[in-house]
Protein backbone atom coordinates (compact mmCIF):
# COMPACT_ATOMS: atom_id res chain seq x y z
CA MET A 1 15.22 181.71 143.75
CA LEU A 2 16.31 178.31 145.12
CA GLN A 3 13.46 176.67 143.17
CA THR A 4 14.65 178.33 139.97
CA ILE A 5 18.26 177.25 140.55
CA PHE A 6 17.10 173.69 141.29
CA LYS A 7 14.96 173.58 138.12
CA THR A 8 17.80 174.97 136.00
CA SER A 9 20.25 172.46 137.46
CA PHE A 10 17.77 169.59 136.97
CA ILE A 11 17.08 170.55 133.33
CA LYS A 12 20.81 170.89 132.66
CA LYS A 13 21.59 167.44 134.12
CA THR A 14 18.64 165.84 132.28
CA THR A 15 19.73 167.40 129.00
CA GLN A 16 23.30 166.22 129.51
CA THR A 17 22.07 162.70 130.25
CA ILE A 18 19.92 162.65 127.09
CA ILE A 19 22.78 163.98 124.94
CA LYS A 20 25.23 161.47 126.46
CA LYS A 21 22.79 158.60 125.84
CA PHE A 22 22.23 159.80 122.25
CA ILE A 23 25.97 160.01 121.57
CA THR A 24 26.59 156.60 123.15
CA THR A 25 23.82 155.04 121.06
CA LYS A 26 25.13 156.64 117.88
CA MET A 27 28.71 155.58 118.62
CA GLY A 28 27.47 152.07 119.42
CA ASP A 29 25.67 151.93 116.08
CA LEU A 30 28.76 153.29 114.36
CA GLY A 31 30.93 150.71 116.13
CA ARG A 32 28.70 147.88 114.96
CA SER A 33 28.87 149.15 111.40
CA THR A 34 32.62 148.48 111.41
CA VAL A 35 32.02 144.72 111.76
CA GLU A 36 30.90 143.01 108.58
CA THR A 37 29.52 139.48 108.72
CA ILE A 38 30.54 137.35 105.74
CA ASP A 39 28.59 134.21 104.95
CA THR A 40 31.13 131.51 104.05
CA TYR A 41 28.47 129.11 102.71
CA TYR A 42 30.04 126.28 104.68
CA ASN A 43 29.03 122.88 103.32
CA ASN A 44 27.11 124.78 100.60
CA SER A 45 24.68 126.03 103.26
CA GLU A 46 23.52 129.59 103.84
CA LYS A 47 24.13 131.19 107.25
CA PHE A 48 25.84 128.09 108.62
CA ALA A 49 29.28 129.58 109.43
CA ALA A 50 30.53 133.16 109.35
CA ALA A 51 33.74 135.09 109.04
CA PHE A 52 33.98 138.70 110.21
CA LEU A 53 35.77 141.69 108.68
CA LEU A 54 36.78 144.44 111.12
CA ARG A 55 37.17 147.92 109.60
CA GLU A 56 37.97 151.37 110.90
CA PRO A 57 34.99 153.46 112.07
CA GLU A 58 33.60 155.34 109.09
CA VAL A 59 34.38 158.76 110.58
CA LEU A 60 38.03 157.75 110.93
CA SER A 61 38.23 156.08 107.54
CA LYS A 62 37.26 159.33 105.84
CA GLU A 63 40.22 161.05 107.46
CA LYS A 64 42.81 158.62 106.13
CA ALA A 65 43.65 157.20 102.76
CA LYS A 66 42.07 153.83 102.00
CA GLU A 67 45.48 152.18 101.66
CA LYS A 68 46.28 153.26 105.23
CA GLU A 69 43.22 151.54 106.68
CA GLU A 70 44.12 148.52 108.82
CA VAL A 71 41.62 145.68 108.81
CA ALA A 72 41.36 142.21 110.30
CA PHE A 73 39.49 138.99 109.70
CA ILE A 74 38.15 136.98 112.62
CA GLU A 75 37.52 133.37 111.53
CA ASN A 76 37.93 132.23 107.92
CA ASN A 77 36.13 128.88 107.63
CA THR A 78 37.57 126.61 104.92
CA ASN A 79 39.52 127.07 101.70
CA LYS A 80 36.20 127.25 99.86
CA ALA A 81 35.44 130.46 101.73
CA ILE A 82 38.52 132.31 100.44
CA PRO A 83 36.76 133.77 97.36
CA PHE A 84 34.03 135.25 99.60
CA LEU A 85 36.58 136.89 101.92
CA LEU A 86 38.73 138.32 99.14
CA ASP A 87 35.65 139.46 97.22
CA ARG A 88 34.54 141.46 100.27
CA LEU A 89 37.91 143.24 100.35
CA GLU A 90 37.68 144.06 96.65
CA LYS A 91 34.10 145.33 96.91
CA GLN A 92 35.14 147.64 99.74
CA ASN A 93 38.24 148.80 97.82
CA ILE A 94 40.50 147.47 100.55
CA ALA A 95 43.98 146.44 99.41
CA PHE A 96 45.07 142.92 100.33
CA GLU A 97 48.13 144.54 101.93
CA SER A 98 45.82 146.33 104.43
CA VAL A 99 44.89 143.11 106.24
CA LYS A 100 46.92 143.24 109.44
CA TYR A 101 45.55 140.24 111.35
CA LEU A 102 44.00 136.86 110.57
CA ILE A 103 42.46 135.91 113.92
CA VAL A 104 41.10 132.44 114.67
CA THR A 105 39.14 131.63 117.83
CA HIS A 106 40.42 128.05 117.57
CA ILE A 107 41.80 125.76 114.89
CA HIS A 108 38.82 123.52 114.20
CA LEU A 109 38.67 123.64 110.44
CA ASP A 110 35.22 125.22 110.12
CA HIS A 111 36.82 128.24 111.85
CA ALA A 112 40.44 128.21 110.67
CA GLY A 113 40.62 125.89 107.68
CA ALA A 114 41.46 128.66 105.20
CA THR A 115 44.25 130.19 107.30
CA SER A 116 47.24 128.57 105.57
CA GLN A 117 46.07 129.46 102.06
CA LEU A 118 44.77 132.90 103.01
CA VAL A 119 47.98 134.03 104.70
CA ARG A 120 49.79 133.38 101.40
CA LYS A 121 47.46 135.81 99.63
CA LEU A 122 47.63 138.56 102.27
CA PRO A 123 51.30 139.57 102.44
CA ASN A 124 51.16 141.73 105.60
CA ALA A 125 48.79 139.58 107.65
CA THR A 126 49.81 138.01 110.94
CA VAL A 127 47.88 134.98 112.16
CA VAL A 128 46.71 135.44 115.75
CA ALA A 129 45.89 132.34 117.79
CA HIS A 130 45.86 130.73 121.23
CA PRO A 131 49.33 129.48 122.34
CA ARG A 132 48.11 125.86 122.25
CA ALA A 133 46.99 126.31 118.64
CA VAL A 134 50.27 127.71 117.29
CA PRO A 135 52.22 124.40 116.97
CA HIS A 136 49.39 122.96 114.86
CA LEU A 137 49.40 125.97 112.55
CA ILE A 138 53.16 125.58 112.04
CA ASN A 139 52.89 121.82 111.53
CA PRO A 140 49.28 120.77 110.79
CA SER A 141 50.01 117.04 110.31
CA LYS A 142 48.39 115.93 113.61
CA LEU A 143 45.40 118.20 113.02
CA ILE A 144 44.91 116.79 109.51
CA ALA A 145 45.27 113.21 110.77
CA GLY A 146 42.76 113.75 113.59
CA VAL A 147 40.12 115.32 111.36
CA THR A 148 40.68 112.72 108.62
CA GLU A 149 40.08 109.97 111.18
CA ILE A 150 36.69 111.51 112.01
CA TYR A 151 35.51 112.37 108.48
CA GLY A 152 37.51 110.02 106.24
CA LYS A 153 40.04 111.11 103.59
CA GLU A 154 37.50 111.69 100.82
CA ASN A 155 35.20 113.83 102.96
CA PHE A 156 38.18 115.71 104.42
CA GLU A 157 39.38 116.74 100.97
CA LYS A 158 35.85 117.60 99.88
CA LEU A 159 35.19 119.80 102.92
CA TYR A 160 38.60 121.34 103.62
CA GLY A 161 41.04 120.91 100.74
CA GLU A 162 44.77 121.29 101.30
CA ILE A 163 46.04 122.52 104.69
CA LEU A 164 49.61 123.82 104.53
CA PRO A 165 52.21 124.71 107.19
CA ILE A 166 52.47 128.38 108.17
CA GLU A 167 55.83 130.01 108.83
CA LYS A 168 56.43 130.70 112.50
CA ASN A 169 57.24 134.38 111.85
CA ARG A 170 53.74 134.87 110.41
CA ILE A 171 52.03 133.79 113.66
CA LYS A 172 51.47 135.56 116.98
CA SER A 173 50.22 133.70 120.05
CA VAL A 174 48.21 135.72 122.57
CA GLU A 175 47.94 135.12 126.30
CA ASP A 176 44.77 135.33 128.38
CA TYR A 177 43.52 138.96 128.45
CA GLU A 178 46.32 140.16 126.17
CA THR A 179 45.36 143.16 124.01
CA LEU A 180 46.37 144.04 120.46
CA GLN A 181 45.70 147.36 118.77
CA ILE A 182 44.53 147.70 115.21
CA GLY A 183 43.77 151.22 114.05
CA SER A 184 41.55 152.85 116.67
CA ARG A 185 40.37 149.62 118.27
CA ASN A 186 41.74 147.37 120.98
CA LEU A 187 41.12 143.64 120.71
CA THR A 188 41.28 141.72 123.98
CA PHE A 189 41.76 137.95 123.86
CA ILE A 190 40.08 135.81 126.49
CA HIS A 191 40.99 132.13 126.80
CA THR A 192 37.77 130.12 127.01
CA ARG A 193 38.11 126.36 127.53
CA GLY A 194 35.17 124.00 127.43
CA HIS A 195 34.73 123.45 123.71
CA ALA A 196 38.47 123.19 123.04
CA LYS A 197 41.54 123.70 125.22
CA HIS A 198 42.98 126.09 122.63
CA HIS A 199 39.84 128.25 122.32
CA MET A 200 39.73 132.01 122.80
CA CYS A 201 37.17 134.78 122.40
CA VAL A 202 37.87 138.31 121.19
CA TYR A 203 36.40 141.46 122.77
CA ASP A 204 36.31 144.48 120.46
CA SER A 205 36.49 147.95 122.03
CA VAL A 206 34.86 149.68 119.04
CA SER A 207 31.77 147.53 118.43
CA LYS A 208 31.51 146.57 122.13
CA GLY A 209 30.89 143.05 120.91
CA ILE A 210 32.65 139.78 121.62
CA PHE A 211 33.51 137.16 119.01
CA THR A 212 32.78 133.89 120.73
CA GLY A 213 33.69 131.15 118.23
CA ASP A 214 31.93 128.12 119.75
CA SER A 215 32.19 129.14 123.43
CA PHE A 216 28.81 130.89 123.56
CA GLY A 217 27.01 128.30 121.53
CA ILE A 218 25.39 127.79 118.15
CA SER A 219 22.19 129.44 116.91
CA TYR A 220 21.02 129.02 113.32
CA PRO A 221 18.76 131.66 111.71
CA LEU A 222 17.08 128.95 109.64
CA ILE A 223 15.83 127.32 112.86
CA ASN A 224 15.27 130.52 114.85
CA LYS A 225 12.70 131.82 112.37
CA LYS A 226 10.60 128.74 113.17
CA CYS A 227 10.60 129.31 116.96
CA GLN A 228 7.19 129.95 118.52
CA ASN A 229 8.05 130.49 122.20
CA LEU A 230 11.57 131.94 122.56
CA SER A 231 13.03 134.03 119.76
CA SER A 232 16.01 131.69 119.31
CA ILE A 233 17.56 128.34 120.15
CA LEU A 234 21.12 128.34 121.51
CA PHE A 235 23.04 125.15 122.23
CA PRO A 236 26.65 124.06 122.98
CA SER A 237 29.03 122.24 120.68
CA THR A 238 30.60 119.18 122.32
CA SER A 239 32.51 118.03 119.23
CA PRO A 240 35.64 115.87 119.75
CA ILE A 241 37.85 115.86 121.70
CA ASP A 242 37.91 118.51 124.44
CA PHE A 243 34.40 118.84 125.91
CA GLU A 244 34.83 120.05 129.52
CA PRO A 245 31.45 121.00 131.02
CA ASP A 246 32.86 122.76 134.09
CA GLN A 247 35.25 124.83 132.00
CA ALA A 248 32.49 125.63 129.50
CA LEU A 249 30.40 127.11 132.33
CA LEU A 250 33.36 129.17 133.60
CA SER A 251 33.92 130.47 130.07
CA LEU A 252 30.35 131.80 129.98
CA ASP A 253 31.20 133.94 133.01
CA LYS A 254 34.40 135.19 131.40
CA ILE A 255 32.41 136.23 128.33
CA ILE A 256 29.74 138.04 130.38
CA ASN A 257 32.38 139.75 132.54
CA THR A 258 33.87 141.55 129.51
CA GLY A 259 30.82 143.82 129.60
CA ALA A 260 30.15 143.11 125.93
CA SER A 261 26.76 144.32 124.68
CA HIS A 262 26.35 141.46 122.21
CA ALA A 263 28.09 138.37 120.85
CA TYR A 264 29.18 137.55 117.32
CA LEU A 265 28.50 133.84 116.89
CA THR A 266 30.47 132.06 114.19
CA HIS A 267 27.42 129.79 113.87
CA TYR A 268 25.66 132.23 113.18
CA GLY A 269 25.29 135.99 113.49
CA ILE A 270 24.65 138.43 116.34
CA TRP A 271 23.28 137.32 119.72
CA GLU A 272 21.89 140.36 121.54
CA ASP A 273 20.97 139.30 125.08
CA LEU A 274 24.03 137.81 126.76
CA GLN A 275 22.37 137.13 130.10
CA PHE A 276 19.54 135.23 128.43
CA GLY A 277 22.11 133.42 126.29
CA LYS A 278 24.05 132.41 129.38
CA LYS A 279 20.86 131.00 130.92
CA LEU A 280 20.16 128.88 127.83
CA MET A 281 23.75 127.73 127.54
CA THR A 282 24.01 126.82 131.23
CA ARG A 283 20.88 124.70 131.00
CA ASN A 284 22.00 122.96 127.81
CA ILE A 285 25.61 122.37 128.92
CA ASN A 286 24.24 120.70 132.06
CA LYS A 287 21.88 118.52 129.99
CA LEU A 288 24.71 117.36 127.75
CA ASN A 289 26.87 116.76 130.81
CA ASP A 290 24.10 114.53 132.18
CA ILE A 291 24.41 112.43 129.02
CA LEU A 292 28.18 112.23 129.54
CA LEU A 293 27.77 111.11 133.15
CA LYS A 294 25.21 108.46 132.17
CA ALA A 295 27.52 107.19 129.43
CA LYS A 296 30.41 106.87 131.88
CA LYS A 297 28.29 104.91 134.37
CA LEU A 298 27.22 102.42 131.70
CA LYS A 299 30.89 101.71 130.89
CA LEU A 300 30.07 101.01 127.25
CA LYS A 301 32.81 100.98 124.61
CA GLY A 302 33.16 101.65 120.90
CA GLU A 303 30.09 101.43 118.68
CA LYS A 304 27.68 100.61 121.51
CA LEU A 305 28.81 103.70 123.40
CA LEU A 306 28.44 105.88 120.31
CA GLU A 307 24.97 104.47 119.60
CA PHE A 308 23.89 105.31 123.15
CA CYS A 309 25.31 108.85 122.94
CA GLN A 310 23.75 109.44 119.52
CA LYS A 311 20.31 108.42 120.76
CA GLU A 312 20.61 110.64 123.85
CA VAL A 313 21.91 113.63 121.88
CA ASP A 314 19.14 113.24 119.29
CA ASN A 315 16.60 113.23 122.12
CA PHE A 316 18.22 116.39 123.51
CA PHE A 317 17.70 118.17 120.19
CA ILE A 318 14.18 116.79 119.76
CA GLU A 319 13.34 118.24 123.19
CA ILE A 320 14.70 121.74 122.56
CA LEU A 321 12.98 121.86 119.16
CA ALA A 322 9.69 120.64 120.64
CA GLN A 323 9.83 123.44 123.22
CA GLU A 324 9.57 125.80 120.23
CA LYS A 325 6.82 123.69 118.61
CA ILE A 326 9.24 122.57 115.89
CA VAL A 327 8.22 118.97 115.37
CA ASP A 328 8.99 116.60 112.47
CA ASP A 329 10.65 119.45 110.60
CA LYS A 330 12.98 117.87 108.04
CA GLU A 331 14.72 121.16 107.19
CA ALA A 332 15.58 121.90 110.84
CA TRP A 333 16.68 118.31 111.50
CA GLU A 334 18.97 118.30 108.46
CA ARG A 335 20.53 121.62 109.50
CA LEU A 336 21.40 120.03 112.85
CA TYR A 337 22.96 116.91 111.29
CA PHE A 338 26.60 117.98 111.84
CA ASP A 339 25.90 119.15 115.39
CA ARG A 340 23.94 116.04 116.35
CA THR A 341 26.68 113.78 114.99
CA LEU A 342 29.68 115.68 116.34
CA ASN A 343 28.12 116.29 119.76
CA ALA A 344 27.47 112.56 120.14
CA GLU A 345 31.01 111.69 119.01
CA GLY A 346 32.52 114.23 121.40
CA ILE A 347 30.57 112.97 124.39
CA ALA A 348 31.37 109.34 123.50
CA PHE A 349 35.08 110.16 123.27
CA CYS A 350 35.09 111.84 126.68
CA ALA A 351 33.12 108.98 128.24
CA GLU A 352 35.56 106.36 126.98
CA PHE A 353 38.91 108.09 127.23
CA ARG A 354 38.64 110.80 129.91
């Protein structure tokens, strides 16, 4: 009798575990289906920078009228991306009035350059940003001047177009670990310094994913498909002017500690294994920090400093490509041009002025 009771209890518990795992898997898949990745074709390149559209879970959407569905964009790239974002709304029969939030992880213009024009086309949208970013959204003159100094006026206009002020009442700043609700999901905002002082990541309760901007690195599909050892390459962005290696490492922990199952990388796509990603990022942050420390010891200035940093950063990328047996690959090297250049400039700036 006791054996029978034990067997019945065991079978019942096993069945419950299997059912629970099945439901969790299905809900996880359903949650992921509510996040749509939009290729913004940044710099006329495929899968270089993404924006993300967050929708209601399909089961909930069927229970409410389409015009009642609340959606959000995370990231928006540049003004050239606006047609791709609006086209996605139209294809999904989502009214422009249904966009509740325009969320930016930080205000570097490959992430937030379309915000000022987009908010004028989406009448009910509130821009959500880090408190340090808000003043520059209201008055973008310093942001424009800083980026123009790096790229030059002609390249700035070619890449980004016109950046306009945004009315204060259209912007909401969010504190560290603050949560906003949109439809059935909670979005939790985590401040993540290291790449920029005004950077934040966004954990999504429905997809169980975290939108990491540049805090969890860059990984291009075009290069990953060439890898022969690991499945992917993942590296930090040290672009001007806020590279803080110690803070970047702490931000990795904050991202992992959300319990997210995967990361949505703006550059580019879904990163599945966060622990493995943290290992790669830790190694590569430390390597770039070594370049920074060497540059500081040399006490070089100006062009000589930048030349040194550029050579060291190029060698860093040559090394991580070679580990994947990607050697003398023009396509991969050209894809990394922006990152090689900006990483060197960011490290040189910190070496000279920090």
